[in-house]
C-alpha atoms as a PDB file:
ATOM      1  CA  MET A   1    -101.942-217.231 -67.720  1.00  0.00           C
ATOM      2  CA  HIS A   2     -98.199-217.072 -67.024  1.00  0.00           C
ATOM      3  CA  PRO A   3     -97.501-214.332 -64.446  1.00  0.00           C
ATOM      4  CA  TYR A   4     -93.971-215.637 -63.816  1.00  0.00           C
ATOM      5  CA  LEU A   5     -91.302-216.733 -66.261  1.00  0.00           C
ATOM      6  CA  LEU A   6     -89.270-218.199 -63.419  1.00  0.00           C
ATOM      7  CA  HIS A   7     -90.205-219.286 -59.907  1.00  0.00           C
ATOM      8  CA  VAL A   8     -87.453-220.946 -57.881  1.00  0.00           C
ATOM      9  CA  GLY A   9     -87.885-220.877 -54.112  1.00  0.00           C
ATOM     10  CA  HIS A  10     -88.272-217.243 -53.102  1.00  0.00           C
ATOM     11  CA  LEU A  11     -87.032-216.040 -56.497  1.00  0.00           C
ATOM     12  CA  TYR A  12     -89.751-214.721 -58.794  1.00  0.00           C
ATOM     13  CA  LEU A  13     -89.180-213.417 -62.318  1.00  0.00           C
ATOM     14  CA  PRO A  14     -92.416-211.676 -63.352  1.00  0.00           C
ATOM     15  CA  THR A  15     -93.408-211.971 -66.998  1.00  0.00           C
ATOM     16  CA  PHE A  16     -94.765-208.417 -67.035  1.00  0.00           C
ATOM     17  CA  GLY A  17     -91.462-206.968 -65.807  1.00  0.00           C
ATOM     18  CA  VAL A  18     -89.426-208.898 -68.348  1.00  0.00           C
ATOM     19  CA  LEU A  19     -91.668-207.882 -71.249  1.00  0.00           C
ATOM     20  CA  ALA A  20     -91.650-204.252 -70.075  1.00  0.00           C
ATOM     21  CA  ALA A  21     -87.842-204.277 -69.962  1.00  0.00           C
ATOM     22  CA  VAL A  22     -87.629-205.819 -73.444  1.00  0.00           C
ATOM     23  CA  GLY A  23     -90.061-203.239 -74.766  1.00  0.00           C
ATOM     24  CA  LEU A  24     -88.064-200.347 -73.307  1.00  0.00           C
ATOM     25  CA  MET A  25     -84.787-201.645 -74.746  1.00  0.00           C
ATOM     26  CA  LEU A  26     -86.297-202.121 -78.199  1.00  0.00           C
ATOM     27  CA  ALA A  27     -87.905-198.673 -77.997  1.00  0.00           C
ATOM     28  CA  LEU A  28     -84.521-197.098 -77.259  1.00  0.00           C
ATOM     29  CA  ALA A  29     -83.053-198.955 -80.221  1.00  0.00           C
ATOM     30  CA  LEU A  30     -85.918-197.833 -82.467  1.00  0.00           C
ATOM     31  CA  SER A  31     -85.393-194.227 -81.375  1.00  0.00           C
ATOM     32  CA  GLN A  32     -81.997-194.293 -83.091  1.00  0.00           C
ATOM     33  CA  TYR A  33     -83.775-194.760 -86.423  1.00  0.00           C
ATOM     34  CA  THR A  34     -86.667-192.378 -85.803  1.00  0.00           C
ATOM     35  CA  ALA A  35     -84.275-189.679 -84.561  1.00  0.00           C
ATOM     36  CA  THR A  36     -82.589-189.519 -87.946  1.00  0.00           C
ATOM     37  CA  ARG A  37     -86.002-189.268 -89.621  1.00  0.00           C
ATOM     38  CA  VAL A  38     -86.743-186.012 -87.774  1.00  0.00           C
ATOM     39  CA  GLY A  39     -83.248-184.537 -87.850  1.00  0.00           C
ATOM     40  CA  ILE A  40     -82.195-185.158 -84.236  1.00  0.00           C
ATOM     41  CA  ASP A  41     -78.811-186.495 -83.155  1.00  0.00           C
ATOM     42  CA  PRO A  42     -79.520-190.179 -82.279  1.00  0.00           C
ATOM     43  CA  ASP A  43     -77.111-190.075 -79.332  1.00  0.00           C
ATOM     44  CA  ALA A  44     -78.896-187.067 -77.880  1.00  0.00           C
ATOM     45  CA  LEU A  45     -82.287-188.764 -78.192  1.00  0.00           C
ATOM     46  CA  TRP A  46     -80.862-191.948 -76.661  1.00  0.00           C
ATOM     47  CA  ASP A  47     -79.739-189.955 -73.606  1.00  0.00           C
ATOM     48  CA  ALA A  48     -83.125-188.242 -73.412  1.00  0.00           C
ATOM     49  CA  GLY A  49     -84.870-191.604 -73.594  1.00  0.00           C
ATOM     50  CA  LEU A  50     -82.746-193.025 -70.790  1.00  0.00           C
ATOM     51  CA  PHE A  51     -83.493-189.947 -68.700  1.00  0.00           C
ATOM     52  CA  ALA A  52     -87.246-190.341 -69.306  1.00  0.00           C
ATOM     53  CA  ILE A  53     -87.156-194.011 -68.268  1.00  0.00           C
ATOM     54  CA  LEU A  54     -85.173-193.275 -65.097  1.00  0.00           C
ATOM     55  CA  ALA A  55     -87.407-190.293 -64.297  1.00  0.00           C
ATOM     56  CA  ALA A  56     -90.535-192.439 -64.646  1.00  0.00           C
ATOM     57  CA  PHE A  57     -89.083-195.048 -62.305  1.00  0.00           C
ATOM     58  CA  VAL A  58     -87.812-192.621 -59.666  1.00  0.00           C
ATOM     59  CA  LEU A  59     -90.770-190.215 -59.693  1.00  0.00           C
ATOM     60  CA  SER A  60     -93.359-193.007 -59.589  1.00  0.00           C
ATOM     61  CA  ARG A  61     -91.569-194.567 -56.617  1.00  0.00           C
ATOM     62  CA  LEU A  62     -91.402-191.216 -54.834  1.00  0.00           C
ATOM     63  CA  LEU A  63     -95.127-190.697 -55.333  1.00  0.00           C
ATOM     64  CA  LEU A  64     -95.796-194.185 -54.016  1.00  0.00           C
ATOM     65  CA  ILE A  65     -93.728-193.481 -50.904  1.00  0.00           C
ATOM     66  CA  VAL A  66     -95.362-190.091 -50.289  1.00  0.00           C
ATOM     67  CA  GLU A  67     -98.881-191.509 -50.653  1.00  0.00           C
ATOM     68  CA  ASN A  68     -98.127-194.530 -48.433  1.00  0.00           C
ATOM     69  CA  PHE A  69     -95.478-193.177 -46.071  1.00  0.00           C
ATOM     70  CA  GLN A  70     -96.587-195.107 -42.982  1.00  0.00           C
ATOM     71  CA  ASN A  71     -96.655-198.361 -44.919  1.00  0.00           C
ATOM     72  CA  PHE A  72     -93.239-197.539 -46.364  1.00  0.00           C
ATOM     73  CA  LEU A  73     -91.787-197.123 -42.876  1.00  0.00           C
ATOM     74  CA  ALA A  74     -93.234-200.476 -41.840  1.00  0.00           C
ATOM     75  CA  TYR A  75     -92.603-202.492 -45.028  1.00  0.00           C
ATOM     76  CA  PRO A  76     -90.176-200.576 -47.286  1.00  0.00           C
ATOM     77  CA  ILE A  77     -89.100-203.478 -49.516  1.00  0.00           C
ATOM     78  CA  LEU A  78     -92.642-204.809 -49.906  1.00  0.00           C
ATOM     79  CA  LEU A  79     -94.024-201.403 -50.854  1.00  0.00           C
ATOM     80  CA  LEU A  80     -91.282-200.678 -53.373  1.00  0.00           C
ATOM     81  CA  ALA A  81     -92.050-203.988 -55.082  1.00  0.00           C
ATOM     82  CA  VAL A  82     -95.591-202.789 -55.859  1.00  0.00           C
ATOM     83  CA  PRO A  83     -96.170-201.565 -59.475  1.00  0.00           C
ATOM     84  CA  SER A  84     -96.366-197.792 -59.183  1.00  0.00           C
ATOM     85  CA  LEU A  85     -96.600-196.200 -62.631  1.00  0.00           C
ATOM     86  CA  THR A  86     -99.628-193.896 -62.474  1.00  0.00           C
ATOM     87  CA  THR A  87    -101.094-191.023 -64.468  1.00  0.00           C
ATOM     88  CA  ALA A  88     -99.560-188.555 -61.994  1.00  0.00           C
ATOM     89  CA  GLY A  89     -96.182-190.244 -62.352  1.00  0.00           C
ATOM     90  CA  LEU A  90     -96.387-190.068 -66.127  1.00  0.00           C
ATOM     91  CA  LEU A  91     -97.334-186.390 -65.966  1.00  0.00           C
ATOM     92  CA  LEU A  92     -94.333-185.584 -63.757  1.00  0.00           C
ATOM     93  CA  THR A  93     -92.127-187.641 -66.087  1.00  0.00           C
ATOM     94  CA  ALA A  94     -93.395-185.654 -69.085  1.00  0.00           C
ATOM     95  CA  ILE A  95     -92.586-182.379 -67.316  1.00  0.00           C
ATOM     96  CA  ALA A  96     -89.128-183.564 -66.303  1.00  0.00           C
ATOM     97  CA  SER A  97     -88.428-184.839 -69.829  1.00  0.00           C
ATOM     98  CA  GLY A  98     -89.559-181.519 -71.297  1.00  0.00           C
ATOM     99  CA  VAL A  99     -87.113-179.691 -69.046  1.00  0.00           C
ATOM    100  CA  TRP A 100     -84.342-182.079 -70.118  1.00  0.00           C
ATOM    101  CA  LEU A 101     -85.100-181.509 -73.814  1.00  0.00           C
ATOM    102  CA  HIS A 102     -85.111-177.736 -73.263  1.00  0.00           C
ATOM    103  CA  PHE A 103     -81.728-177.637 -71.577  1.00  0.00           C
ATOM    104  CA  LYS A 104     -80.227-180.039 -74.103  1.00  0.00           C
ATOM    105  CA  ARG A 105     -81.633-177.853 -76.906  1.00  0.00           C
ATOM    106  CA  ILE A 106     -83.513-180.713 -78.527  1.00  0.00           C
ATOM    107  CA  ARG A 107     -86.575-179.618 -80.505  1.00  0.00           C
ATOM    108  CA  MET A 108     -89.586-180.687 -78.464  1.00  0.00           C
ATOM    109  CA  LEU A 109     -91.963-181.413 -81.339  1.00  0.00           C
ATOM    110  CA  ALA A 110     -89.337-183.295 -83.299  1.00  0.00           C
ATOM    111  CA  ALA A 111     -88.535-185.386 -80.220  1.00  0.00           C
ATOM    112  CA  LEU A 112     -92.219-186.196 -79.755  1.00  0.00           C
ATOM    113  CA  ASP A 113     -92.468-187.316 -83.374  1.00  0.00           C
ATOM    114  CA  ALA A 114     -89.382-189.497 -82.942  1.00  0.00           C
ATOM    115  CA  TRP A 115     -90.666-191.003 -79.715  1.00  0.00           C
ATOM    116  CA  ALA A 116     -94.223-191.712 -80.924  1.00  0.00           C
ATOM    117  CA  PRO A 117     -93.557-195.154 -82.498  1.00  0.00           C
ATOM    118  CA  CYS A 118     -91.220-195.975 -79.611  1.00  0.00           C
ATOM    119  CA  ALA A 119     -94.020-195.308 -77.125  1.00  0.00           C
ATOM    120  CA  THR A 120     -96.508-197.484 -79.012  1.00  0.00           C
ATOM    121  CA  LEU A 121     -93.910-200.263 -79.186  1.00  0.00           C
ATOM    122  CA  VAL A 122     -93.619-200.160 -75.378  1.00  0.00           C
ATOM    123  CA  TRP A 123     -97.431-200.152 -75.226  1.00  0.00           C
ATOM    124  CA  PHE A 124     -97.429-203.383 -77.259  1.00  0.00           C
ATOM    125  CA  PHE A 125     -95.123-205.148 -74.809  1.00  0.00           C
ATOM    126  CA  LEU A 126     -97.019-203.833 -71.788  1.00  0.00           C
ATOM    127  CA  ALA A 127    -100.238-205.202 -73.275  1.00  0.00           C
ATOM    128  CA  LEU A 128     -98.600-208.609 -73.711  1.00  0.00           C
ATOM    129  CA  GLY A 129     -97.471-208.402 -70.097  1.00  0.00           C
ATOM    130  CA  HIS A 130    -100.985-207.626 -68.926  1.00  0.00           C
ATOM    131  CA  TYR A 131    -102.299-210.590 -70.914  1.00  0.00           C
ATOM    132  CA  ALA A 132     -99.663-212.903 -69.430  1.00  0.00           C
ATOM    133  CA  GLU A 133    -100.515-211.967 -65.840  1.00  0.00           C
ATOM    134  CA  GLY A 134    -104.252-211.584 -66.449  1.00  0.00           C
ATOM    135  CA  SER A 135    -104.325-207.998 -65.204  1.00  0.00           C
ATOM    136  CA  ASP A 136    -106.429-206.490 -68.011  1.00  0.00           C
ATOM    137  CA  PRO A 137    -109.654-208.500 -67.771  1.00  0.00           C
ATOM    138  CA  GLY A 138    -112.398-208.164 -70.324  1.00  0.00           C
ATOM    139  CA  LEU A 139    -116.082-208.866 -70.159  1.00  0.00           C
ATOM    140  CA  PRO A 140    -117.170-212.529 -70.482  1.00  0.00           C
ATOM    141  CA  VAL A 141    -117.665-212.128 -74.241  1.00  0.00           C
ATOM    142  CA  THR A 142    -114.507-210.050 -74.824  1.00  0.00           C
ATOM    143  CA  ARG A 143    -111.984-211.704 -72.512  1.00  0.00           C
ATOM    144  CA  PRO A 144    -108.642-211.226 -74.329  1.00  0.00           C
ATOM    145  CA  VAL A 145    -108.817-207.411 -74.265  1.00  0.00           C
ATOM    146  CA  ALA A 146    -105.072-207.208 -73.686  1.00  0.00           C
ATOM    147  CA  LEU A 147    -104.508-209.038 -76.965  1.00  0.00           C
ATOM    148  CA  TYR A 148    -106.726-206.539 -78.771  1.00  0.00           C
ATOM    149  CA  VAL A 149    -104.671-203.730 -77.233  1.00  0.00           C
ATOM    150  CA  ALA A 150    -101.463-205.447 -78.334  1.00  0.00           C
ATOM    151  CA  GLY A 151    -102.795-205.741 -81.882  1.00  0.00           C
ATOM    152  CA  VAL A 152    -103.708-202.064 -82.029  1.00  0.00           C
ATOM    153  CA  ALA A 153    -100.351-201.047 -80.551  1.00  0.00           C
ATOM    154  CA  MET A 154     -98.342-203.156 -82.999  1.00  0.00           C
ATOM    155  CA  ALA A 155    -100.299-201.929 -86.018  1.00  0.00           C
ATOM    156  CA  LEU A 156     -99.982-198.311 -84.888  1.00  0.00           C
ATOM    157  CA  THR A 157     -96.237-198.744 -84.350  1.00  0.00           C
ATOM    158  CA  ALA A 158     -95.812-199.991 -87.918  1.00  0.00           C
ATOM    159  CA  VAL A 159     -97.767-197.032 -89.281  1.00  0.00           C
ATOM    160  CA  LEU A 160     -95.915-194.441 -87.204  1.00  0.00           C
ATOM    161  CA  VAL A 161     -92.463-195.759 -88.128  1.00  0.00           C
ATOM    162  CA  TYR A 162     -93.101-195.042 -91.809  1.00  0.00           C
ATOM    163  CA  LEU A 163     -95.290-191.993 -91.368  1.00  0.00           C
ATOM    164  CA  GLY A 164     -93.912-188.603 -92.323  1.00  0.00           C
ATOM    165  CA  ARG A 165     -95.046-185.470 -90.519  1.00  0.00           C
ATOM    166  CA  GLY A 166     -97.156-185.553 -87.368  1.00  0.00           C
ATOM    167  CA  ARG A 167     -96.296-188.940 -85.850  1.00  0.00           C
ATOM    168  CA  ALA A 168     -96.987-187.688 -82.320  1.00  0.00           C
ATOM    169  CA  SER A 169    -100.341-186.177 -83.307  1.00  0.00           C
ATOM    170  CA  VAL A 170    -101.516-189.291 -85.122  1.00  0.00           C
ATOM    171  CA  GLY A 171    -100.254-191.532 -82.331  1.00  0.00           C
ATOM    172  CA  LEU A 172    -102.126-189.611 -79.638  1.00  0.00           C
ATOM    173  CA  VAL A 173    -105.386-189.476 -81.594  1.00  0.00           C
ATOM    174  CA  VAL A 174    -105.383-193.127 -82.674  1.00  0.00           C
ATOM    175  CA  ALA A 175    -104.153-194.504 -79.347  1.00  0.00           C
ATOM    176  CA  GLY A 176    -106.602-192.352 -77.399  1.00  0.00           C
ATOM    177  CA  THR A 177    -109.530-193.370 -79.609  1.00  0.00           C
ATOM    178  CA  ALA A 178    -108.574-197.048 -79.361  1.00  0.00           C
ATOM    179  CA  GLN A 179    -108.268-196.913 -75.579  1.00  0.00           C
ATOM    180  CA  PHE A 180    -111.616-195.137 -75.271  1.00  0.00           C
ATOM    181  CA  LEU A 181    -113.401-197.795 -77.344  1.00  0.00           C
ATOM    182  CA  LEU A 182    -111.586-200.744 -75.777  1.00  0.00           C
ATOM    183  CA  CYS A 183    -112.749-199.627 -72.331  1.00  0.00           C
ATOM    184  CA  PHE A 184    -116.247-200.750 -73.326  1.00  0.00           C
ATOM    185  CA  MET A 185    -114.861-204.301 -73.541  1.00  0.00           C
ATOM    186  CA  ARG A 186    -113.225-204.173 -70.106  1.00  0.00           C
ATOM    187  CA  GLN A 187    -114.697-204.755 -66.699  1.00  0.00           C
ATOM    188  CA  PRO A 188    -115.835-201.456 -65.144  1.00  0.00           C
ATOM    189  CA  GLY A 189    -112.996-199.551 -63.507  1.00  0.00           C
ATOM    190  CA  VAL A 190    -112.669-196.359 -61.499  1.00  0.00           C
ATOM    191  CA  GLN A 191    -115.334-193.857 -62.494  1.00  0.00           C
ATOM    192  CA  GLY A 192    -114.096-190.576 -63.920  1.00  0.00           C
ATOM    193  CA  VAL A 193    -116.105-187.642 -65.284  1.00  0.00           C
ATOM    194  CA  ALA A 194    -119.700-187.865 -66.588  1.00  0.00           C
ATOM    195  CA  GLY A 195    -119.922-191.575 -65.826  1.00  0.00           C
ATOM    196  CA  LEU A 196    -116.924-192.423 -68.004  1.00  0.00           C
ATOM    197  CA  ASP A 197    -114.171-194.766 -66.898  1.00  0.00           C
ATOM    198  CA  ALA A 198    -111.095-192.893 -65.636  1.00  0.00           C
ATOM    199  CA  LEU A 199    -109.041-194.374 -68.480  1.00  0.00           C
ATOM    200  CA  GLN A 200    -111.605-193.100 -70.973  1.00  0.00           C
ATOM    201  CA  VAL A 201    -111.177-189.583 -69.589  1.00  0.00           C
ATOM    202  CA  VAL A 202    -107.418-189.876 -70.082  1.00  0.00           C
ATOM    203  CA  ALA A 203    -108.014-191.263 -73.588  1.00  0.00           C
ATOM    204  CA  LEU A 204    -110.177-188.298 -74.519  1.00  0.00           C
ATOM    205  CA  GLY A 205    -107.444-186.011 -73.225  1.00  0.00           C
ATOM    206  CA  MET A 206    -104.990-187.779 -75.537  1.00  0.00           C
ATOM    207  CA  VAL A 207    -107.274-187.196 -78.512  1.00  0.00           C
ATOM    208  CA  VAL A 208    -107.645-183.505 -77.671  1.00  0.00           C
ATOM    209  CA  ALA A 209    -103.868-183.160 -77.177  1.00  0.00           C
ATOM    210  CA  GLY A 210    -103.182-184.875 -80.496  1.00  0.00           C
ATOM    211  CA  CYS A 211    -105.622-182.653 -82.392  1.00  0.00           C
ATOM    212  CA  THR A 212    -104.208-179.534 -80.727  1.00  0.00           C
ATOM    213  CA  LEU A 213    -100.655-180.584 -81.570  1.00  0.00           C
ATOM    214  CA  TRP A 214    -101.585-181.142 -85.205  1.00  0.00           C
ATOM    215  CA  LEU A 215    -103.391-177.815 -85.567  1.00  0.00           C
ATOM    216  CA  THR A 216    -100.782-175.702 -83.807  1.00  0.00           C
ATOM    217  CA  ALA A 217     -97.675-177.295 -85.332  1.00  0.00           C
ATOM    218  CA  PRO A 218     -98.605-178.665 -88.773  1.00  0.00           C
ATOM    219  CA  SER A 219     -95.064-178.528 -90.134  1.00  0.00           C
ATOM    220  CA  ALA A 220     -92.936-178.976 -87.027  1.00  0.00           C
ATOM    221  CA  SER A 221     -91.124-182.044 -88.293  1.00  0.00           C
ATOM    222  CA  ALA A 222     -90.575-183.984 -91.495  1.00  0.00           C
END
């Protein structure tokens, strides 16, 4: 495993952080193409994407501080260096991004379709980052789970880029189904509902959201 690309003295350059940054930059670039496919001004979607990234960073850090306030007072720099992107942070980011799209008069469903392959591209790079730092362990017979995730993410990105209508719906259903099944290859995590892993519960929610989106907006975007 290679958790650090660079380690000189007290300077650490984490592989996961670098790959995440590369993935985000490439996703923003890809959004310029997918925006035109759904009839959105590329510059407007670029600004919305930047806002979503900044919102995820700021809101996740705020949640981390609120949940660990005493530790923050004692070790502020150390706490802020801890990875903090959680389900709650992503939910708040989604709400904030929805408000941004509303006030900028960008069609929500079209934006979701444009962002779908961008999100799976980021997922690909995050999976590579997890593999590099060994933070997504599999069972003894299915060790490189992160590589399986990366393969699914890359294949799904390629499909979504060239897909017509319903990119967001397809992305949610396929990604959710893949995550649910891949959890059986991982070491047991936090238990959720009905004995399922917490990530599996989230994955099922993604599938339900994708199906609902498809049924309620079958012709929202081209």
